Amino acid sequence: MTLHAPRRKGAPLADITVQAVWVCEPHPPAGADPLDWLLLTSLSIDEVAQVEQVVDWYAARWWIEVFFRTYKPGCRVERLQLQTVDRLAPALALYKIVAWRLQYVTLLGRECPEVSCETVFSESEWRGTWPVATGQPPPPTAPTLGEFLRHVAALGGYLNRKHDPPPGIETLWRGLRRVFDFRLVWMTFNTFAFHTSEATCV
């Protein structure tokens, strides 16, 4: 179908030709509503693979929205007061990495909670955080990612009640900001302890 551009003064807008993709789910999981999407796209859908690509891209829309919510209000990039492009561009690039890592850690903790937390956290991060978050000395081996993230989220306000859903990005964001401080303290303490021990031996 062709979508006619609205009229406006000055340079007229061009009409846009789009294709429709109807996505329906004839056999949904028990207790779930079936998918029923009507998607309009300017991409070609002459082959099955092209149709599947359109559907895959649309299915990713929620995590894209979460990313930009983390990036804009979370990182507060709209409050940056840098006055030149040369200063603003590196800051925006850095915050994109921060937002991506936060979203990656959140999703990985939900999909693969049994992997070691050292998959995404350094030894200094989890060892420095564990005593503060649990009141116990760090275990000899790294805890699972799911277990460690619950403690990190608790630092950010997560209640961790029996029927609570997995930690969200906002609580993990607040908790991770404290993890970086604990890491610095842990590294400083161990560096100081090492030099003190070395001096004692001498």
C-alpha atoms as a PDB file:
ATOM      1  CA  MET A   1       0.000   0.000   0.000  1.00  0.00           C
ATOM      2  CA  THR A   2       1.042   3.610  -0.458  1.00  0.00           C
ATOM      3  CA  LEU A   3       0.876   6.060   2.429  1.00  0.00           C
ATOM      4  CA  HIS A   4       0.205   9.542   1.142  1.00  0.00           C
ATOM      5  CA  ALA A   5       2.266  12.271   2.730  1.00  0.00           C
ATOM      6  CA  PRO A   6       0.425  15.006   4.646  1.00  0.00           C
ATOM      7  CA  ARG A   7       0.177  18.348   2.951  1.00  0.00           C
ATOM      8  CA  ARG A   8       2.394  21.137   4.146  1.00  0.00           C
ATOM      9  CA  LYS A   9       3.639  24.451   2.897  1.00  0.00           C
ATOM     10  CA  GLY A  10       7.001  24.618   1.207  1.00  0.00           C
ATOM     11  CA  ALA A  11       8.695  21.461  -0.055  1.00  0.00           C
ATOM     12  CA  PRO A  12       6.130  18.636  -0.272  1.00  0.00           C
ATOM     13  CA  LEU A  13       6.852  15.286   1.333  1.00  0.00           C
ATOM     14  CA  ALA A  14       7.059  12.145  -0.780  1.00  0.00           C
ATOM     15  CA  ASP A  15       4.564   9.309  -0.546  1.00  0.00           C
ATOM     16  CA  ILE A  16       5.853   6.103   1.014  1.00  0.00           C
ATOM     17  CA  THR A  17       5.122   2.608  -0.241  1.00  0.00           C
ATOM     18  CA  VAL A  18       5.030  -0.048   2.480  1.00  0.00           C
ATOM     19  CA  GLN A  19       4.377  -3.753   2.718  1.00  0.00           C
ATOM     20  CA  ALA A  20       2.241  -5.412   5.366  1.00  0.00           C
ATOM     21  CA  VAL A  21       3.400  -8.392   7.419  1.00  0.00           C
ATOM     22  CA  TRP A  22       0.784 -10.178   9.489  1.00  0.00           C
ATOM     23  CA  VAL A  23       2.192 -12.243  12.329  1.00  0.00           C
ATOM     24  CA  CYS A  24      -0.190 -14.581  14.125  1.00  0.00           C
ATOM     25  CA  GLU A  25       0.387 -17.424  16.561  1.00  0.00           C
ATOM     26  CA  PRO A  26      -2.039 -20.317  15.979  1.00  0.00           C
ATOM     27  CA  HIS A  27      -0.768 -22.414  18.905  1.00  0.00           C
ATOM     28  CA  PRO A  28       0.342 -20.162  21.794  1.00  0.00           C
ATOM     29  CA  PRO A  29       1.687 -21.578  25.073  1.00  0.00           C
ATOM     30  CA  ALA A  30      -0.915 -22.522  27.650  1.00  0.00           C
ATOM     31  CA  GLY A  31      -2.236 -19.483  29.475  1.00  0.00           C
ATOM     32  CA  ALA A  32      -0.654 -16.983  27.069  1.00  0.00           C
ATOM     33  CA  ASP A  33      -2.420 -14.702  24.601  1.00  0.00           C
ATOM     34  CA  PRO A  34      -1.533 -15.447  20.974  1.00  0.00           C
ATOM     35  CA  LEU A  35       0.604 -12.961  19.083  1.00  0.00           C
ATOM     36  CA  ASP A  36      -1.303 -10.916  16.527  1.00  0.00           C
ATOM     37  CA  TRP A  37       0.858  -8.248  14.917  1.00  0.00           C
ATOM     38  CA  LEU A  38       0.229  -6.234  11.783  1.00  0.00           C
ATOM     39  CA  LEU A  39       3.562  -4.721  10.782  1.00  0.00           C
ATOM     40  CA  LEU A  40       4.140  -2.126   8.071  1.00  0.00           C
ATOM     41  CA  THR A  41       7.620  -1.992   6.564  1.00  0.00           C
ATOM     42  CA  SER A  42       9.397  -0.238   3.732  1.00  0.00           C
ATOM     43  CA  LEU A  43      11.737  -3.232   3.395  1.00  0.00           C
ATOM     44  CA  SER A  44      11.347  -5.892   0.727  1.00  0.00           C
ATOM     45  CA  ILE A  45       9.455  -9.018   1.752  1.00  0.00           C
ATOM     46  CA  ASP A  46       9.728 -11.039  -1.440  1.00  0.00           C
ATOM     47  CA  GLU A  47      11.411 -13.969   0.328  1.00  0.00           C
ATOM     48  CA  VAL A  48      10.666 -15.827   3.538  1.00  0.00           C
ATOM     49  CA  ALA A  49      14.042 -14.844   5.016  1.00  0.00           C
ATOM     50  CA  GLN A  50      13.213 -11.159   4.485  1.00  0.00           C
ATOM     51  CA  VAL A  51       9.873 -11.559   6.254  1.00  0.00           C
ATOM     52  CA  GLU A  52      11.569 -13.330   9.168  1.00  0.00           C
ATOM     53  CA  GLN A  53      14.088 -10.497   9.431  1.00  0.00           C
ATOM     54  CA  VAL A  54      11.303  -7.918   9.702  1.00  0.00           C
ATOM     55  CA  VAL A  55       9.648  -9.960  12.456  1.00  0.00           C
ATOM     56  CA  ASP A  56      12.959 -10.434  14.324  1.00  0.00           C
ATOM     57  CA  TRP A  57      13.666  -6.695  14.233  1.00  0.00           C
ATOM     58  CA  TYR A  58      10.216  -5.857  15.539  1.00  0.00           C
ATOM     59  CA  ALA A  59      10.516  -8.462  18.300  1.00  0.00           C
ATOM     60  CA  ALA A  60      13.659  -6.650  19.501  1.00  0.00           C
ATOM     61  CA  ARG A  61      11.803  -3.355  19.889  1.00  0.00           C
ATOM     62  CA  TRP A  62      11.276  -3.721  23.646  1.00  0.00           C
ATOM     63  CA  TRP A  63      14.974  -4.109  24.445  1.00  0.00           C
ATOM     64  CA  ILE A  64      15.745  -1.209  22.122  1.00  0.00           C
ATOM     65  CA  GLU A  65      13.317   0.946  24.086  1.00  0.00           C
ATOM     66  CA  VAL A  66      14.871  -0.237  27.356  1.00  0.00           C
ATOM     67  CA  PHE A  67      18.331   0.628  26.022  1.00  0.00           C
ATOM     68  CA  PHE A  68      17.369   4.199  25.179  1.00  0.00           C
ATOM     69  CA  ARG A  69      15.527   4.595  28.483  1.00  0.00           C
ATOM     70  CA  THR A  70      18.727   3.533  30.226  1.00  0.00           C
ATOM     71  CA  TYR A  71      20.824   5.706  27.949  1.00  0.00           C
ATOM     72  CA  LYS A  72      18.806   8.926  28.106  1.00  0.00           C
ATOM     73  CA  PRO A  73      17.150   9.271  31.538  1.00  0.00           C
ATOM     74  CA  GLY A  74      19.441   6.721  33.228  1.00  0.00           C
ATOM     75  CA  CYS A  75      22.744   8.187  32.068  1.00  0.00           C
ATOM     76  CA  ARG A  76      21.178  11.663  31.968  1.00  0.00           C
ATOM     77  CA  VAL A  77      22.816  12.439  28.635  1.00  0.00           C
ATOM     78  CA  GLU A  78      20.314  15.218  27.985  1.00  0.00           C
ATOM     79  CA  ARG A  79      21.701  17.070  31.008  1.00  0.00           C
ATOM     80  CA  LEU A  80      25.245  17.171  29.685  1.00  0.00           C
ATOM     81  CA  GLN A  81      26.436  20.752  29.422  1.00  0.00           C
ATOM     82  CA  LEU A  82      29.274  20.172  26.987  1.00  0.00           C
ATOM     83  CA  GLN A  83      29.298  22.968  24.450  1.00  0.00           C
ATOM     84  CA  THR A  84      31.220  21.503  21.510  1.00  0.00           C
ATOM     85  CA  VAL A  85      30.786  18.392  19.382  1.00  0.00           C
ATOM     86  CA  ASP A  86      34.359  17.338  20.103  1.00  0.00           C
ATOM     87  CA  ARG A  87      33.507  17.141  23.801  1.00  0.00           C
ATOM     88  CA  LEU A  88      29.969  15.819  23.461  1.00  0.00           C
ATOM     89  CA  ALA A  89      30.636  12.942  21.031  1.00  0.00           C
ATOM     90  CA  PRO A  90      33.113  11.042  23.276  1.00  0.00           C
ATOM     91  CA  ALA A  91      30.799  11.455  26.278  1.00  0.00           C
ATOM     92  CA  LEU A  92      27.810  10.068  24.353  1.00  0.00           C
ATOM     93  CA  ALA A  93      29.895   7.148  23.092  1.00  0.00           C
ATOM     94  CA  LEU A  94      31.028   6.310  26.630  1.00  0.00           C
ATOM     95  CA  TYR A  95      27.483   6.430  27.996  1.00  0.00           C
ATOM     96  CA  LYS A  96      26.328   4.104  25.220  1.00  0.00           C
ATOM     97  CA  ILE A  97      28.860   1.539  26.424  1.00  0.00           C
ATOM     98  CA  VAL A  98      27.642   1.988  29.998  1.00  0.00           C
ATOM     99  CA  ALA A  99      23.998   1.533  28.969  1.00  0.00           C
ATOM    100  CA  TRP A 100      24.834  -1.496  26.840  1.00  0.00           C
ATOM    101  CA  ARG A 101      26.809  -3.209  29.629  1.00  0.00           C
ATOM    102  CA  LEU A 102      24.057  -2.591  32.154  1.00  0.00           C
ATOM    103  CA  GLN A 103      21.426  -4.040  29.852  1.00  0.00           C
ATOM    104  CA  TYR A 104      23.685  -6.982  28.949  1.00  0.00           C
ATOM    105  CA  VAL A 105      24.318  -7.845  32.604  1.00  0.00           C
ATOM    106  CA  THR A 106      20.594  -7.623  33.399  1.00  0.00           C
ATOM    107  CA  LEU A 107      19.567  -9.899  30.529  1.00  0.00           C
ATOM    108  CA  LEU A 108      22.396 -12.376  31.112  1.00  0.00           C
ATOM    109  CA  GLY A 109      21.445 -12.635  34.774  1.00  0.00           C
ATOM    110  CA  ARG A 110      17.918 -13.612  33.773  1.00  0.00           C
ATOM    111  CA  GLU A 111      18.780 -15.995  30.957  1.00  0.00           C
ATOM    112  CA  CYS A 112      21.944 -17.594  32.398  1.00  0.00           C
ATOM    113  CA  PRO A 113      21.811 -17.148  36.189  1.00  0.00           C
ATOM    114  CA  GLU A 114      23.943 -20.258  36.843  1.00  0.00           C
ATOM    115  CA  VAL A 115      27.085 -19.039  35.081  1.00  0.00           C
ATOM    116  CA  SER A 116      29.930 -17.686  37.191  1.00  0.00           C
ATOM    117  CA  CYS A 117      29.682 -14.004  38.061  1.00  0.00           C
ATOM    118  CA  GLU A 118      33.246 -13.682  36.769  1.00  0.00           C
ATOM    119  CA  THR A 119      31.697 -13.940  33.296  1.00  0.00           C
ATOM    120  CA  VAL A 120      31.030 -10.201  33.557  1.00  0.00           C
ATOM    121  CA  PHE A 121      32.581  -9.080  36.874  1.00  0.00           C
ATOM    122  CA  SER A 122      36.221  -8.955  37.841  1.00  0.00           C
ATOM    123  CA  GLU A 123      37.495 -10.690  40.965  1.00  0.00           C
ATOM    124  CA  SER A 124      38.031  -7.343  42.664  1.00  0.00           C
ATOM    125  CA  GLU A 125      34.425  -6.338  41.939  1.00  0.00           C
ATOM    126  CA  TRP A 126      32.725  -9.373  43.431  1.00  0.00           C
ATOM    127  CA  ARG A 127      35.197  -9.893  46.279  1.00  0.00           C
ATOM    128  CA  GLY A 128      35.020  -6.229  47.242  1.00  0.00           C
ATOM    129  CA  THR A 129      31.213  -6.228  47.171  1.00  0.00           C
ATOM    130  CA  TRP A 130      30.459  -9.564  48.842  1.00  0.00           C
ATOM    131  CA  PRO A 131      31.390  -8.665  52.460  1.00  0.00           C
ATOM    132  CA  VAL A 132      29.418  -5.419  52.325  1.00  0.00           C
ATOM    133  CA  ALA A 133      26.352  -6.967  50.721  1.00  0.00           C
ATOM    134  CA  THR A 134      26.220 -10.178  52.785  1.00  0.00           C
ATOM    135  CA  GLY A 135      28.178  -9.466  55.975  1.00  0.00           C
ATOM    136  CA  GLN A 136      30.217 -12.587  55.237  1.00  0.00           C
ATOM    137  CA  PRO A 137      33.748 -13.087  53.884  1.00  0.00           C
ATOM    138  CA  PRO A 138      33.958 -13.846  50.155  1.00  0.00           C
ATOM    139  CA  PRO A 139      33.633 -17.542  49.239  1.00  0.00           C
ATOM    140  CA  PRO A 140      36.711 -19.354  47.872  1.00  0.00           C
ATOM    141  CA  THR A 141      35.180 -19.494  44.386  1.00  0.00           C
ATOM    142  CA  ALA A 142      33.067 -16.974  42.541  1.00  0.00           C
ATOM    143  CA  PRO A 143      29.294 -17.203  43.164  1.00  0.00           C
ATOM    144  CA  THR A 144      26.822 -17.589  40.342  1.00  0.00           C
ATOM    145  CA  LEU A 145      25.817 -14.533  38.386  1.00  0.00           C
ATOM    146  CA  GLY A 146      22.203 -14.773  39.520  1.00  0.00           C
ATOM    147  CA  GLU A 147      23.172 -14.902  43.199  1.00  0.00           C
ATOM    148  CA  PHE A 148      25.642 -12.058  42.947  1.00  0.00           C
ATOM    149  CA  LEU A 149      23.246  -9.833  40.997  1.00  0.00           C
ATOM    150  CA  ARG A 150      20.588 -10.228  43.697  1.00  0.00           C
ATOM    151  CA  HIS A 151      23.062  -8.881  46.238  1.00  0.00           C
ATOM    152  CA  VAL A 152      24.057  -6.052  43.895  1.00  0.00           C
ATOM    153  CA  ALA A 153      20.416  -5.174  43.292  1.00  0.00           C
ATOM    154  CA  ALA A 154      19.772  -5.199  47.062  1.00  0.00           C
ATOM    155  CA  LEU A 155      22.371  -2.449  47.360  1.00  0.00           C
ATOM    156  CA  GLY A 156      20.196  -0.488  44.938  1.00  0.00           C
ATOM    157  CA  GLY A 157      16.925  -1.055  46.813  1.00  0.00           C
ATOM    158  CA  TYR A 158      15.821  -4.482  45.545  1.00  0.00           C
ATOM    159  CA  LEU A 159      13.854  -6.255  48.308  1.00  0.00           C
ATOM    160  CA  ASN A 160      14.543  -9.804  47.082  1.00  0.00           C
ATOM    161  CA  ARG A 161      11.298 -11.200  48.461  1.00  0.00           C
ATOM    162  CA  LYS A 162      10.208 -14.731  47.628  1.00  0.00           C
ATOM    163  CA  HIS A 163       7.778 -13.795  44.858  1.00  0.00           C
ATOM    164  CA  ASP A 164       9.601 -10.722  43.529  1.00  0.00           C
ATOM    165  CA  PRO A 165      10.539 -10.764  39.821  1.00  0.00           C
ATOM    166  CA  PRO A 166      14.226 -10.687  38.856  1.00  0.00           C
ATOM    167  CA  PRO A 167      16.027  -7.392  39.545  1.00  0.00           C
ATOM    168  CA  GLY A 168      15.365  -4.623  37.060  1.00  0.00           C
ATOM    169  CA  ILE A 169      17.784  -2.287  35.377  1.00  0.00           C
ATOM    170  CA  GLU A 170      17.179   0.651  37.739  1.00  0.00           C
ATOM    171  CA  THR A 171      17.986  -1.245  40.944  1.00  0.00           C
ATOM    172  CA  LEU A 172      21.008  -2.873  39.308  1.00  0.00           C
ATOM    173  CA  TRP A 173      22.143   0.535  38.093  1.00  0.00           C
ATOM    174  CA  ARG A 174      22.114   1.941  41.610  1.00  0.00           C
ATOM    175  CA  GLY A 175      23.786  -1.144  43.021  1.00  0.00           C
ATOM    176  CA  LEU A 176      26.516  -1.227  40.390  1.00  0.00           C
ATOM    177  CA  ARG A 177      27.497   2.340  41.187  1.00  0.00           C
ATOM    178  CA  ARG A 178      28.384   1.121  44.668  1.00  0.00           C
ATOM    179  CA  VAL A 179      30.185  -1.959  43.329  1.00  0.00           C
ATOM    180  CA  PHE A 180      32.747   0.259  41.642  1.00  0.00           C
ATOM    181  CA  ASP A 181      33.462   1.985  44.966  1.00  0.00           C
ATOM    182  CA  PHE A 182      33.832  -1.349  46.793  1.00  0.00           C
ATOM    183  CA  ARG A 183      36.185  -2.546  44.074  1.00  0.00           C
ATOM    184  CA  LEU A 184      38.411   0.475  44.580  1.00  0.00           C
ATOM    185  CA  VAL A 185      38.466  -0.058  48.359  1.00  0.00           C
ATOM    186  CA  TRP A 186      39.256  -3.767  47.953  1.00  0.00           C
ATOM    187  CA  MET A 187      42.112  -3.091  45.535  1.00  0.00           C
ATOM    188  CA  THR A 188      43.511  -0.308  47.742  1.00  0.00           C
ATOM    189  CA  PHE A 189      43.363  -2.450  50.877  1.00  0.00           C
ATOM    190  CA  ASN A 190      45.002  -5.453  49.229  1.00  0.00           C
ATOM    191  CA  THR A 191      47.715  -3.307  47.672  1.00  0.00           C
ATOM    192  CA  PHE A 192      48.426  -1.706  51.057  1.00  0.00           C
ATOM    193  CA  ALA A 193      48.376  -5.088  52.824  1.00  0.00           C
ATOM    194  CA  PHE A 194      50.787  -6.530  50.253  1.00  0.00           C
ATOM    195  CA  HIS A 195      53.283  -3.707  50.639  1.00  0.00           C
ATOM    196  CA  THR A 196      53.012  -3.851  54.446  1.00  0.00           C
ATOM    197  CA  SER A 197      53.654  -7.598  54.412  1.00  0.00           C
ATOM    198  CA  GLU A 198      56.558  -7.150  52.030  1.00  0.00           C
ATOM    199  CA  ALA A 199      58.092  -4.465  54.249  1.00  0.00           C
ATOM    200  CA  THR A 200      57.658  -6.703  57.313  1.00  0.00           C
ATOM    201  CA  CYS A 201      59.437  -9.559  55.572  1.00  0.00           C
ATOM    202  CA  VAL A 202      62.329  -7.276  54.614  1.00  0.00           C
END
